[in-house]
Amino acid sequence: MRLVLFALVVVFSFSIVEAQESTKELTRKERRAIEREKKEKEKALINKHLTILTKNAIDSSSWVLEADRLFGRRGGSVNVPSNINFIAIEGENAFVQLGSNSGLGANGVGGVSVRGKVSKYEVDYNEKKESYYIVVMVTSALGSFDIRMNCNGTGEMVDATVKGNSASSVRYSGVLVPVQHSKVYKGTPII
C-alpha cells in the first residue's frame, strides 16, 4: 500500500512540475518573434490569394481598376473616391469614368462616363518582377482611346494612363479587383 501511495505521489509531482514548465511565461522577445512569424504567414497567405485573383481577372478580361488618385498631364494629382473613378473591362466591354462627390454633371457623378468596345487587349507578364503590362484599345462614342496599364502581381499597385484622340491624358492609380468584387457606381455614359 505504501509503495502504491509513494508511486502516486511521485507521478503526481512530476505532472505538477511539467505543468509549471509548460505554462512558463514567454519573454517579451519570444512573444514578439511568435507574433511576427504569425503575421508573416498571414501576409504570405493573403498575397498568394490576391495573386491568384489578379491573374484570373486579367486572364479573363474581367477586372476593375478602382482609382484612389488621379494625375493630370502636368503631373498634378488629386485624391478621389474609388467607387466613382475607375476603368472597368468586362470581356468586350469597357467603361471609363471620372467623377467627383459633387454629383453635378451629365453622368450624374460629377464627371464623364464613357462606354466602349474593346478592339485590342494585350497582356505581357514579367515573371521576374511579377508584374503585368496591359494594353487596351477602346472604340466609343467619343472616338477611340487607349489604356496602358502597369499592375503588380497582387493587384495592389496599379497605374494606368488613358489617352484619347487629342493629346490629353489622365493617369489613374489604385487597385485592381475582379468585377464581381468591385463596388463601383457607374454613371450615365455618353452615347
N, C-alpha and C. Protein backbone atom coordinates (compact mmCIF):
# COMPACT_ATOMS: atom_id res chain seq x y z
N MET A 1 0.82 -1.18 0.00
CA MET A 1 0.00 0.00 0.00
C MET A 1 0.87 1.26 0.00
N ARG A 2 1.92 1.22 0.87
CA ARG A 2 2.81 2.37 0.91
C ARG A 2 3.49 2.58 -0.43
N LEU A 3 3.84 1.50 -1.10
CA LEU A 3 4.52 1.59 -2.39
C LEU A 3 3.60 2.23 -3.44
N VAL A 4 2.34 1.85 -3.46
CA VAL A 4 1.37 2.42 -4.40
C VAL A 4 1.18 3.90 -4.09
N LEU A 5 1.05 4.23 -2.84
CA LEU A 5 0.88 5.62 -2.44
C LEU A 5 2.10 6.45 -2.82
N PHE A 6 3.29 5.89 -2.58
CA PHE A 6 4.53 6.58 -2.95
C PHE A 6 4.60 6.79 -4.47
N ALA A 7 4.22 5.79 -5.26
CA ALA A 7 4.23 5.88 -6.72
C ALA A 7 3.27 6.97 -7.20
N LEU A 8 2.09 7.04 -6.59
CA LEU A 8 1.12 8.07 -6.97
C LEU A 8 1.63 9.47 -6.65
N VAL A 9 2.29 9.62 -5.52
CA VAL A 9 2.84 10.92 -5.14
C VAL A 9 3.94 11.33 -6.11
N VAL A 10 4.80 10.40 -6.50
CA VAL A 10 5.88 10.69 -7.45
C VAL A 10 5.30 11.09 -8.80
N VAL A 11 4.36 10.32 -9.33
CA VAL A 11 3.73 10.63 -10.63
C VAL A 11 3.04 11.98 -10.57
N PHE A 12 2.31 12.22 -9.51
CA PHE A 12 1.61 13.49 -9.35
C PHE A 12 2.61 14.66 -9.28
N SER A 13 3.70 14.49 -8.60
CA SER A 13 4.74 15.53 -8.50
C SER A 13 5.34 15.85 -9.86
N PHE A 14 5.64 14.81 -10.64
CA PHE A 14 6.21 15.03 -11.98
C PHE A 14 5.21 15.78 -12.88
N SER A 15 3.93 15.44 -12.78
CA SER A 15 2.94 16.13 -13.62
C SER A 15 2.80 17.59 -13.23
N ILE A 16 2.94 17.91 -11.94
CA ILE A 16 2.88 19.31 -11.50
C ILE A 16 4.09 20.07 -12.02
N VAL A 17 5.27 19.48 -11.95
CA VAL A 17 6.49 20.13 -12.44
C VAL A 17 6.39 20.36 -13.94
N GLU A 18 5.89 19.37 -14.70
CA GLU A 18 5.73 19.53 -16.16
C GLU A 18 4.74 20.65 -16.47
N ALA A 19 3.64 20.71 -15.75
CA ALA A 19 2.63 21.74 -15.98
C ALA A 19 3.20 23.12 -15.72
N GLN A 20 4.02 23.23 -14.68
CA GLN A 20 4.61 24.52 -14.37
C GLN A 20 5.59 24.95 -15.46
N GLU A 21 6.35 24.00 -16.00
CA GLU A 21 7.31 24.34 -17.05
C GLU A 21 6.60 24.71 -18.35
N SER A 22 5.49 24.04 -18.67
CA SER A 22 4.79 24.34 -19.92
C SER A 22 4.05 25.68 -19.86
N THR A 23 3.66 26.10 -18.66
CA THR A 23 2.97 27.39 -18.55
C THR A 23 3.95 28.52 -18.22
N LYS A 24 5.22 28.23 -18.30
CA LYS A 24 6.25 29.24 -18.03
C LYS A 24 6.01 30.45 -18.94
N GLU A 25 6.10 31.63 -18.41
CA GLU A 25 5.90 32.86 -19.17
C GLU A 25 6.96 33.00 -20.25
N LEU A 26 6.52 33.35 -21.45
CA LEU A 26 7.46 33.64 -22.53
C LEU A 26 8.03 35.03 -22.32
N THR A 27 9.24 35.20 -22.72
CA THR A 27 9.83 36.53 -22.63
C THR A 27 9.19 37.42 -23.68
N ARG A 28 9.36 38.69 -23.50
CA ARG A 28 8.78 39.66 -24.43
C ARG A 28 9.35 39.44 -25.84
N LYS A 29 10.63 39.14 -25.92
CA LYS A 29 11.28 38.90 -27.20
C LYS A 29 10.70 37.66 -27.88
N GLU A 30 10.44 36.60 -27.12
CA GLU A 30 9.85 35.37 -27.68
C GLU A 30 8.43 35.62 -28.17
N ARG A 31 7.64 36.39 -27.38
CA ARG A 31 6.27 36.70 -27.81
C ARG A 31 6.27 37.50 -29.11
N ARG A 32 7.17 38.49 -29.20
CA ARG A 32 7.26 39.29 -30.42
C ARG A 32 7.66 38.44 -31.61
N ALA A 33 8.60 37.54 -31.42
CA ALA A 33 9.05 36.67 -32.52
C ALA A 33 7.91 35.78 -33.00
N ILE A 34 7.13 35.23 -32.06
CA ILE A 34 5.99 34.39 -32.43
C ILE A 34 4.94 35.22 -33.17
N GLU A 35 4.66 36.41 -32.68
CA GLU A 35 3.67 37.29 -33.32
C GLU A 35 4.14 37.71 -34.73
N ARG A 36 5.42 38.04 -34.87
CA ARG A 36 5.97 38.43 -36.17
C ARG A 36 5.86 37.28 -37.18
N GLU A 37 6.18 36.07 -36.72
CA GLU A 37 6.09 34.90 -37.59
C GLU A 37 4.65 34.64 -38.02
N LYS A 38 3.73 34.82 -37.10
CA LYS A 38 2.30 34.64 -37.39
C LYS A 38 1.83 35.66 -38.45
N LYS A 39 2.25 36.93 -38.28
CA LYS A 39 1.86 37.97 -39.25
C LYS A 39 2.47 37.72 -40.62
N GLU A 40 3.70 37.26 -40.67
CA GLU A 40 4.35 36.96 -41.95
C GLU A 40 3.63 35.84 -42.68
N LYS A 41 3.21 34.82 -41.95
CA LYS A 41 2.47 33.71 -42.56
C LYS A 41 1.12 34.19 -43.10
N GLU A 42 0.43 35.04 -42.32
CA GLU A 42 -0.86 35.59 -42.76
C GLU A 42 -0.69 36.43 -44.02
N LYS A 43 0.34 37.28 -44.03
CA LYS A 43 0.59 38.14 -45.19
C LYS A 43 0.92 37.31 -46.43
N ALA A 44 1.72 36.27 -46.27
CA ALA A 44 2.06 35.40 -47.40
C ALA A 44 0.82 34.71 -47.95
N LEU A 45 -0.07 34.28 -47.07
CA LEU A 45 -1.31 33.63 -47.50
C LEU A 45 -2.21 34.62 -48.24
N ILE A 46 -2.33 35.84 -47.72
CA ILE A 46 -3.14 36.87 -48.37
C ILE A 46 -2.56 37.21 -49.74
N ASN A 47 -1.25 37.40 -49.83
CA ASN A 47 -0.60 37.71 -51.11
C ASN A 47 -0.81 36.60 -52.13
N LYS A 48 -0.74 35.36 -51.68
CA LYS A 48 -0.96 34.23 -52.59
C LYS A 48 -2.39 34.28 -53.14
N HIS A 49 -3.34 34.54 -52.27
CA HIS A 49 -4.75 34.64 -52.68
C HIS A 49 -4.96 35.80 -53.66
N LEU A 50 -4.39 36.98 -53.34
CA LEU A 50 -4.52 38.14 -54.23
C LEU A 50 -3.87 37.89 -55.58
N THR A 51 -2.73 37.20 -55.60
CA THR A 51 -2.05 36.89 -56.85
C THR A 51 -2.92 36.03 -57.75
N ILE A 52 -3.57 35.04 -57.17
CA ILE A 52 -4.46 34.16 -57.94
C ILE A 52 -5.65 34.95 -58.47
N LEU A 53 -6.28 35.77 -57.60
CA LEU A 53 -7.43 36.59 -58.04
C LEU A 53 -7.05 37.54 -59.18
N THR A 54 -5.89 38.20 -59.04
CA THR A 54 -5.45 39.15 -60.05
C THR A 54 -5.18 38.45 -61.38
N LYS A 55 -4.48 37.34 -61.34
CA LYS A 55 -4.17 36.60 -62.56
C LYS A 55 -5.46 36.16 -63.27
N ASN A 56 -6.39 35.60 -62.51
CA ASN A 56 -7.66 35.15 -63.11
C ASN A 56 -8.45 36.31 -63.71
N ALA A 57 -8.47 37.45 -63.00
CA ALA A 57 -9.21 38.62 -63.50
C ALA A 57 -8.60 39.14 -64.80
N ILE A 58 -7.28 39.24 -64.85
CA ILE A 58 -6.60 39.75 -66.05
C ILE A 58 -6.74 38.76 -67.20
N ASP A 59 -6.54 37.47 -66.93
CA ASP A 59 -6.64 36.46 -67.99
C ASP A 59 -8.05 36.37 -68.58
N SER A 60 -9.06 36.63 -67.75
CA SER A 60 -10.45 36.54 -68.23
C SER A 60 -11.00 37.87 -68.72
N SER A 61 -10.16 38.92 -68.74
CA SER A 61 -10.59 40.27 -69.15
C SER A 61 -11.82 40.71 -68.36
N SER A 62 -11.76 40.53 -67.06
CA SER A 62 -12.89 40.86 -66.21
C SER A 62 -12.39 41.50 -64.91
N TRP A 63 -12.03 42.79 -65.01
CA TRP A 63 -11.44 43.49 -63.87
C TRP A 63 -11.85 44.95 -63.83
N VAL A 64 -11.61 45.57 -62.68
CA VAL A 64 -11.87 46.99 -62.49
C VAL A 64 -10.66 47.60 -61.79
N LEU A 65 -10.14 48.68 -62.35
CA LEU A 65 -9.11 49.46 -61.68
C LEU A 65 -9.86 50.52 -60.89
N GLU A 66 -9.91 50.38 -59.60
CA GLU A 66 -10.56 51.36 -58.73
C GLU A 66 -9.51 52.38 -58.32
N ALA A 67 -9.63 53.59 -58.87
CA ALA A 67 -8.60 54.62 -58.65
C ALA A 67 -8.88 55.43 -57.40
N ASP A 68 -7.87 55.60 -56.58
CA ASP A 68 -7.99 56.49 -55.43
C ASP A 68 -7.16 57.76 -55.63
N ARG A 69 -6.50 57.84 -56.79
CA ARG A 69 -5.68 59.01 -57.10
C ARG A 69 -5.67 59.21 -58.62
N LEU A 70 -5.83 60.47 -59.05
CA LEU A 70 -5.76 60.81 -60.47
C LEU A 70 -4.63 61.81 -60.69
N PHE A 71 -3.98 61.70 -61.85
CA PHE A 71 -2.87 62.59 -62.21
C PHE A 71 -3.20 63.24 -63.55
N GLY A 72 -2.94 64.55 -63.66
CA GLY A 72 -3.15 65.27 -64.91
C GLY A 72 -1.91 65.26 -65.78
N ARG A 73 -2.00 65.95 -66.92
CA ARG A 73 -0.88 66.00 -67.86
C ARG A 73 0.38 66.56 -67.24
N ARG A 74 0.22 67.55 -66.42
CA ARG A 74 1.38 68.25 -65.87
C ARG A 74 1.87 67.66 -64.56
N GLY A 75 1.35 66.51 -64.19
CA GLY A 75 1.83 65.83 -63.00
C GLY A 75 1.09 66.13 -61.72
N GLY A 76 0.17 67.08 -61.73
CA GLY A 76 -0.61 67.37 -60.53
C GLY A 76 -1.51 66.18 -60.19
N SER A 77 -1.71 65.95 -58.91
CA SER A 77 -2.54 64.81 -58.52
C SER A 77 -3.62 65.22 -57.54
N VAL A 78 -4.65 64.40 -57.47
CA VAL A 78 -5.75 64.65 -56.55
C VAL A 78 -6.27 63.30 -56.04
N ASN A 79 -6.57 63.22 -54.74
CA ASN A 79 -7.20 62.03 -54.18
C ASN A 79 -8.67 62.04 -54.57
N VAL A 80 -9.18 60.88 -54.97
CA VAL A 80 -10.56 60.78 -55.45
C VAL A 80 -11.24 59.56 -54.84
N PRO A 81 -12.58 59.56 -54.80
CA PRO A 81 -13.29 58.37 -54.32
C PRO A 81 -13.20 57.25 -55.37
N SER A 82 -12.77 56.08 -54.94
CA SER A 82 -12.54 54.97 -55.88
C SER A 82 -13.82 54.35 -56.42
N ASN A 83 -14.94 54.57 -55.76
CA ASN A 83 -16.18 53.96 -56.26
C ASN A 83 -16.76 54.68 -57.48
N ILE A 84 -16.26 55.91 -57.78
CA ILE A 84 -16.76 56.62 -58.97
C ILE A 84 -15.64 57.03 -59.93
N ASN A 85 -14.42 56.61 -59.67
CA ASN A 85 -13.29 56.87 -60.56
C ASN A 85 -12.63 55.53 -60.86
N PHE A 86 -12.87 55.03 -62.06
CA PHE A 86 -12.42 53.67 -62.35
C PHE A 86 -12.32 53.42 -63.86
N ILE A 87 -11.68 52.30 -64.16
CA ILE A 87 -11.63 51.74 -65.51
C ILE A 87 -12.09 50.30 -65.35
N ALA A 88 -13.13 49.92 -66.09
CA ALA A 88 -13.65 48.55 -66.00
C ALA A 88 -13.58 47.87 -67.36
N ILE A 89 -13.09 46.65 -67.36
CA ILE A 89 -13.06 45.82 -68.56
C ILE A 89 -13.84 44.56 -68.25
N GLU A 90 -14.87 44.32 -69.05
CA GLU A 90 -15.70 43.13 -68.89
C GLU A 90 -15.83 42.46 -70.25
N GLY A 91 -14.85 41.62 -70.57
CA GLY A 91 -14.85 40.95 -71.87
C GLY A 91 -14.62 41.97 -72.98
N GLU A 92 -15.61 42.11 -73.86
CA GLU A 92 -15.51 43.07 -74.98
C GLU A 92 -15.94 44.47 -74.60
N ASN A 93 -16.46 44.67 -73.42
CA ASN A 93 -16.97 45.96 -72.99
C ASN A 93 -16.00 46.69 -72.07
N ALA A 94 -15.88 47.99 -72.28
CA ALA A 94 -15.04 48.83 -71.44
C ALA A 94 -15.89 49.97 -70.90
N PHE A 95 -15.56 50.42 -69.70
CA PHE A 95 -16.27 51.53 -69.09
C PHE A 95 -15.22 52.36 -68.34
N VAL A 96 -15.08 53.62 -68.74
CA VAL A 96 -14.11 54.51 -68.11
C VAL A 96 -14.87 55.68 -67.52
N GLN A 97 -14.58 56.00 -66.26
CA GLN A 97 -15.33 57.05 -65.59
C GLN A 97 -14.44 57.93 -64.72
N LEU A 98 -14.72 59.23 -64.78
CA LEU A 98 -14.17 60.22 -63.86
C LEU A 98 -15.35 60.81 -63.12
N GLY A 99 -15.22 60.98 -61.82
CA GLY A 99 -16.33 61.54 -61.06
C GLY A 99 -15.85 62.33 -59.86
N SER A 100 -16.78 63.07 -59.27
CA SER A 100 -16.47 63.81 -58.05
C SER A 100 -17.67 63.70 -57.12
N ASN A 101 -17.47 64.01 -55.87
CA ASN A 101 -18.55 63.90 -54.89
C ASN A 101 -19.65 64.92 -55.08
N SER A 102 -19.44 65.93 -55.95
CA SER A 102 -20.46 66.96 -56.14
C SER A 102 -21.72 66.40 -56.80
N GLY A 103 -21.57 65.37 -57.61
CA GLY A 103 -22.72 64.76 -58.27
C GLY A 103 -23.27 65.58 -59.41
N LEU A 104 -22.63 66.71 -59.75
CA LEU A 104 -23.09 67.53 -60.84
C LEU A 104 -22.39 67.09 -62.13
N GLY A 105 -23.14 67.02 -63.19
CA GLY A 105 -22.57 66.64 -64.48
C GLY A 105 -23.53 65.76 -65.24
N ALA A 106 -23.23 65.58 -66.50
CA ALA A 106 -24.11 64.81 -67.38
C ALA A 106 -24.22 63.35 -66.96
N ASN A 107 -23.18 62.82 -66.33
CA ASN A 107 -23.22 61.41 -65.97
C ASN A 107 -23.84 61.15 -64.59
N GLY A 108 -24.15 62.21 -63.85
CA GLY A 108 -24.76 62.05 -62.53
C GLY A 108 -23.77 61.87 -61.40
N VAL A 109 -22.48 61.78 -61.72
CA VAL A 109 -21.46 61.62 -60.67
C VAL A 109 -20.38 62.69 -60.80
N GLY A 110 -20.73 63.82 -61.37
CA GLY A 110 -19.82 64.96 -61.42
C GLY A 110 -18.62 64.78 -62.32
N GLY A 111 -18.80 64.17 -63.45
CA GLY A 111 -17.67 63.97 -64.36
C GLY A 111 -18.10 63.44 -65.71
N VAL A 112 -17.32 62.48 -66.20
CA VAL A 112 -17.57 61.89 -67.52
C VAL A 112 -17.55 60.38 -67.41
N SER A 113 -18.52 59.74 -68.08
CA SER A 113 -18.57 58.27 -68.16
C SER A 113 -18.61 57.89 -69.62
N VAL A 114 -17.75 56.96 -70.01
CA VAL A 114 -17.68 56.54 -71.40
C VAL A 114 -17.74 55.02 -71.47
N ARG A 115 -18.67 54.53 -72.28
CA ARG A 115 -18.79 53.09 -72.54
C ARG A 115 -18.26 52.84 -73.94
N GLY A 116 -17.52 51.76 -74.11
CA GLY A 116 -16.99 51.44 -75.43
C GLY A 116 -16.76 49.96 -75.61
N LYS A 117 -16.28 49.62 -76.79
CA LYS A 117 -15.97 48.23 -77.15
C LYS A 117 -14.46 48.06 -77.19
N VAL A 118 -13.97 46.98 -76.63
CA VAL A 118 -12.54 46.68 -76.65
C VAL A 118 -12.19 46.13 -78.03
N SER A 119 -11.25 46.80 -78.70
CA SER A 119 -10.81 46.33 -80.01
C SER A 119 -9.45 45.63 -79.94
N LYS A 120 -8.74 45.82 -78.84
CA LYS A 120 -7.44 45.17 -78.67
C LYS A 120 -7.21 44.99 -77.17
N TYR A 121 -6.74 43.80 -76.79
CA TYR A 121 -6.44 43.50 -75.39
C TYR A 121 -5.19 42.64 -75.36
N GLU A 122 -4.09 43.22 -74.91
CA GLU A 122 -2.81 42.51 -74.85
C GLU A 122 -2.27 42.54 -73.43
N VAL A 123 -1.77 41.40 -73.00
CA VAL A 123 -1.20 41.29 -71.65
C VAL A 123 0.20 40.70 -71.75
N ASP A 124 1.16 41.39 -71.15
CA ASP A 124 2.52 40.87 -71.02
C ASP A 124 2.80 40.69 -69.54
N TYR A 125 3.23 39.49 -69.17
CA TYR A 125 3.55 39.20 -67.77
C TYR A 125 5.06 39.11 -67.62
N ASN A 126 5.62 39.89 -66.72
CA ASN A 126 7.05 39.85 -66.42
C ASN A 126 7.22 38.95 -65.20
N GLU A 127 7.70 37.73 -65.45
CA GLU A 127 7.82 36.75 -64.38
C GLU A 127 8.84 37.17 -63.33
N LYS A 128 9.92 37.79 -63.77
CA LYS A 128 10.98 38.19 -62.83
C LYS A 128 10.48 39.25 -61.84
N LYS A 129 9.76 40.24 -62.35
CA LYS A 129 9.24 41.32 -61.50
C LYS A 129 7.85 41.01 -60.95
N GLU A 130 7.26 39.92 -61.42
CA GLU A 130 5.88 39.55 -61.05
C GLU A 130 4.93 40.72 -61.27
N SER A 131 4.91 41.21 -62.51
CA SER A 131 4.05 42.35 -62.84
C SER A 131 3.46 42.18 -64.24
N TYR A 132 2.40 42.92 -64.48
CA TYR A 132 1.68 42.88 -65.75
C TYR A 132 1.81 44.23 -66.45
N TYR A 133 1.86 44.17 -67.78
CA TYR A 133 1.73 45.37 -68.61
C TYR A 133 0.58 45.07 -69.57
N ILE A 134 -0.45 45.89 -69.51
CA ILE A 134 -1.67 45.63 -70.28
C ILE A 134 -1.94 46.81 -71.20
N VAL A 135 -2.27 46.49 -72.46
CA VAL A 135 -2.66 47.50 -73.43
C VAL A 135 -4.08 47.18 -73.88
N VAL A 136 -4.96 48.18 -73.75
CA VAL A 136 -6.35 48.02 -74.16
C VAL A 136 -6.70 49.16 -75.10
N MET A 137 -7.20 48.85 -76.29
CA MET A 137 -7.70 49.85 -77.23
C MET A 137 -9.22 49.78 -77.20
N VAL A 138 -9.85 50.96 -77.07
CA VAL A 138 -11.31 51.03 -76.93
C VAL A 138 -11.89 51.98 -77.97
N THR A 139 -13.00 51.58 -78.57
CA THR A 139 -13.75 52.43 -79.50
C THR A 139 -15.04 52.82 -78.81
N SER A 140 -15.32 54.16 -78.79
CA SER A 140 -16.51 54.64 -78.08
C SER A 140 -17.19 55.75 -78.86
N ALA A 141 -18.25 56.30 -78.29
CA ALA A 141 -18.96 57.42 -78.91
C ALA A 141 -18.08 58.67 -78.98
N LEU A 142 -17.09 58.77 -78.11
CA LEU A 142 -16.16 59.92 -78.12
C LEU A 142 -14.96 59.68 -79.03
N GLY A 143 -14.93 58.56 -79.71
CA GLY A 143 -13.78 58.21 -80.54
C GLY A 143 -13.02 57.06 -79.89
N SER A 144 -11.83 56.83 -80.38
CA SER A 144 -11.04 55.74 -79.80
C SER A 144 -10.05 56.28 -78.78
N PHE A 145 -9.72 55.46 -77.83
CA PHE A 145 -8.70 55.82 -76.85
C PHE A 145 -7.98 54.54 -76.43
N ASP A 146 -6.77 54.73 -75.93
CA ASP A 146 -6.05 53.55 -75.47
C ASP A 146 -5.69 53.67 -74.00
N ILE A 147 -5.61 52.52 -73.38
CA ILE A 147 -5.30 52.41 -71.96
C ILE A 147 -4.03 51.59 -71.85
N ARG A 148 -3.03 52.14 -71.17
CA ARG A 148 -1.77 51.42 -70.93
C ARG A 148 -1.61 51.32 -69.42
N MET A 149 -1.48 50.09 -68.94
CA MET A 149 -1.54 49.86 -67.50
C MET A 149 -0.41 48.97 -67.01
N ASN A 150 0.18 49.35 -65.88
CA ASN A 150 1.14 48.53 -65.15
C ASN A 150 0.47 48.07 -63.87
N CYS A 151 0.65 46.79 -63.55
CA CYS A 151 -0.01 46.22 -62.38
C CYS A 151 0.95 45.23 -61.70
N ASN A 152 1.11 45.33 -60.39
CA ASN A 152 1.94 44.34 -59.71
C ASN A 152 1.17 43.03 -59.60
N GLY A 153 1.83 41.96 -59.20
CA GLY A 153 1.24 40.63 -59.20
C GLY A 153 0.02 40.47 -58.31
N THR A 154 -0.08 41.26 -57.25
CA THR A 154 -1.21 41.13 -56.33
C THR A 154 -2.35 42.10 -56.67
N GLY A 155 -2.12 43.01 -57.60
CA GLY A 155 -3.15 43.98 -57.97
C GLY A 155 -3.27 45.14 -57.00
N GLU A 156 -2.35 45.25 -56.05
CA GLU A 156 -2.43 46.31 -55.05
C GLU A 156 -1.81 47.62 -55.50
N MET A 157 -0.99 47.59 -56.54
CA MET A 157 -0.37 48.81 -57.07
C MET A 157 -0.56 48.83 -58.58
N VAL A 158 -1.50 49.66 -59.01
CA VAL A 158 -1.85 49.73 -60.42
C VAL A 158 -1.77 51.17 -60.89
N ASP A 159 -1.21 51.36 -62.06
CA ASP A 159 -1.06 52.68 -62.65
C ASP A 159 -1.48 52.57 -64.12
N ALA A 160 -2.46 53.36 -64.56
CA ALA A 160 -2.94 53.29 -65.94
C ALA A 160 -3.07 54.69 -66.52
N THR A 161 -2.68 54.82 -67.78
CA THR A 161 -2.83 56.08 -68.50
C THR A 161 -3.85 55.89 -69.59
N VAL A 162 -4.82 56.79 -69.64
CA VAL A 162 -5.86 56.77 -70.67
C VAL A 162 -5.62 57.96 -71.58
N LYS A 163 -5.41 57.68 -72.88
CA LYS A 163 -5.20 58.74 -73.87
C LYS A 163 -6.31 58.67 -74.90
N GLY A 164 -6.87 59.85 -75.19
CA GLY A 164 -7.93 59.94 -76.19
C GLY A 164 -7.39 60.37 -77.54
N ASN A 165 -8.30 60.79 -78.42
CA ASN A 165 -7.92 61.25 -79.75
C ASN A 165 -7.03 62.47 -79.69
N SER A 166 -7.30 63.34 -78.75
CA SER A 166 -6.48 64.55 -78.60
C SER A 166 -5.22 64.18 -77.81
N ALA A 167 -4.41 65.14 -77.52
CA ALA A 167 -3.17 64.90 -76.78
C ALA A 167 -3.42 64.76 -75.28
N SER A 168 -4.65 64.96 -74.85
CA SER A 168 -4.93 64.91 -73.41
C SER A 168 -4.89 63.47 -72.89
N SER A 169 -4.51 63.35 -71.63
CA SER A 169 -4.46 62.04 -71.00
C SER A 169 -4.74 62.20 -69.51
N VAL A 170 -5.18 61.13 -68.90
CA VAL A 170 -5.43 61.07 -67.47
C VAL A 170 -4.78 59.79 -66.95
N ARG A 171 -4.13 59.90 -65.81
CA ARG A 171 -3.50 58.73 -65.21
C ARG A 171 -4.26 58.34 -63.95
N TYR A 172 -4.64 57.09 -63.89
CA TYR A 172 -5.36 56.52 -62.74
C TYR A 172 -4.37 55.71 -61.91
N SER A 173 -4.48 55.81 -60.60
CA SER A 173 -3.65 55.00 -59.71
C SER A 173 -4.55 54.41 -58.63
N GLY A 174 -4.43 53.11 -58.42
CA GLY A 174 -5.28 52.46 -57.43
C GLY A 174 -5.04 50.98 -57.34
N VAL A 175 -6.12 50.22 -57.20
CA VAL A 175 -6.03 48.76 -57.06
C VAL A 175 -6.87 48.09 -58.14
N LEU A 176 -6.48 46.86 -58.48
CA LEU A 176 -7.21 46.09 -59.47
C LEU A 176 -7.98 44.99 -58.74
N VAL A 177 -9.29 44.92 -59.01
CA VAL A 177 -10.12 43.89 -58.39
C VAL A 177 -10.95 43.19 -59.46
N PRO A 178 -11.30 41.92 -59.24
CA PRO A 178 -12.21 41.25 -60.18
C PRO A 178 -13.56 41.99 -60.21
N VAL A 179 -14.23 41.94 -61.33
CA VAL A 179 -15.51 42.65 -61.49
C VAL A 179 -16.49 42.27 -60.38
N GLN A 180 -16.57 40.99 -60.06
CA GLN A 180 -17.56 40.55 -59.06
C GLN A 180 -17.24 41.05 -57.65
N HIS A 181 -16.03 41.53 -57.40
CA HIS A 181 -15.66 42.06 -56.08
C HIS A 181 -15.68 43.59 -56.04
N SER A 182 -15.95 44.20 -57.17
CA SER A 182 -15.90 45.66 -57.27
C SER A 182 -17.16 46.29 -56.71
N LYS A 183 -16.99 47.49 -56.15
CA LYS A 183 -18.12 48.23 -55.60
C LYS A 183 -18.23 49.61 -56.24
N VAL A 184 -18.04 49.67 -57.56
CA VAL A 184 -18.11 50.95 -58.24
C VAL A 184 -19.55 51.29 -58.62
N TYR A 185 -19.78 52.59 -58.79
CA TYR A 185 -21.08 53.09 -59.21
C TYR A 185 -20.91 53.67 -60.61
N LYS A 186 -21.59 53.09 -61.57
CA LYS A 186 -21.49 53.56 -62.96
C LYS A 186 -22.50 54.68 -63.19
N GLY A 187 -21.99 55.82 -63.68
CA GLY A 187 -22.84 56.92 -64.05
C GLY A 187 -23.44 56.70 -65.42
N THR A 188 -24.20 57.69 -65.90
CA THR A 188 -24.81 57.62 -67.23
C THR A 188 -23.74 57.89 -68.28
N PRO A 189 -23.48 56.92 -69.17
CA PRO A 189 -22.42 57.11 -70.16
C PRO A 189 -22.83 58.02 -71.31
N ILE A 190 -21.85 58.58 -71.96
CA ILE A 190 -22.07 59.36 -73.17
C ILE A 190 -22.42 58.39 -74.28
N ILE A 191 -23.51 58.66 -74.97
CA ILE A 191 -23.95 57.72 -76.02
C ILE A 191 -23.56 58.22 -77.38
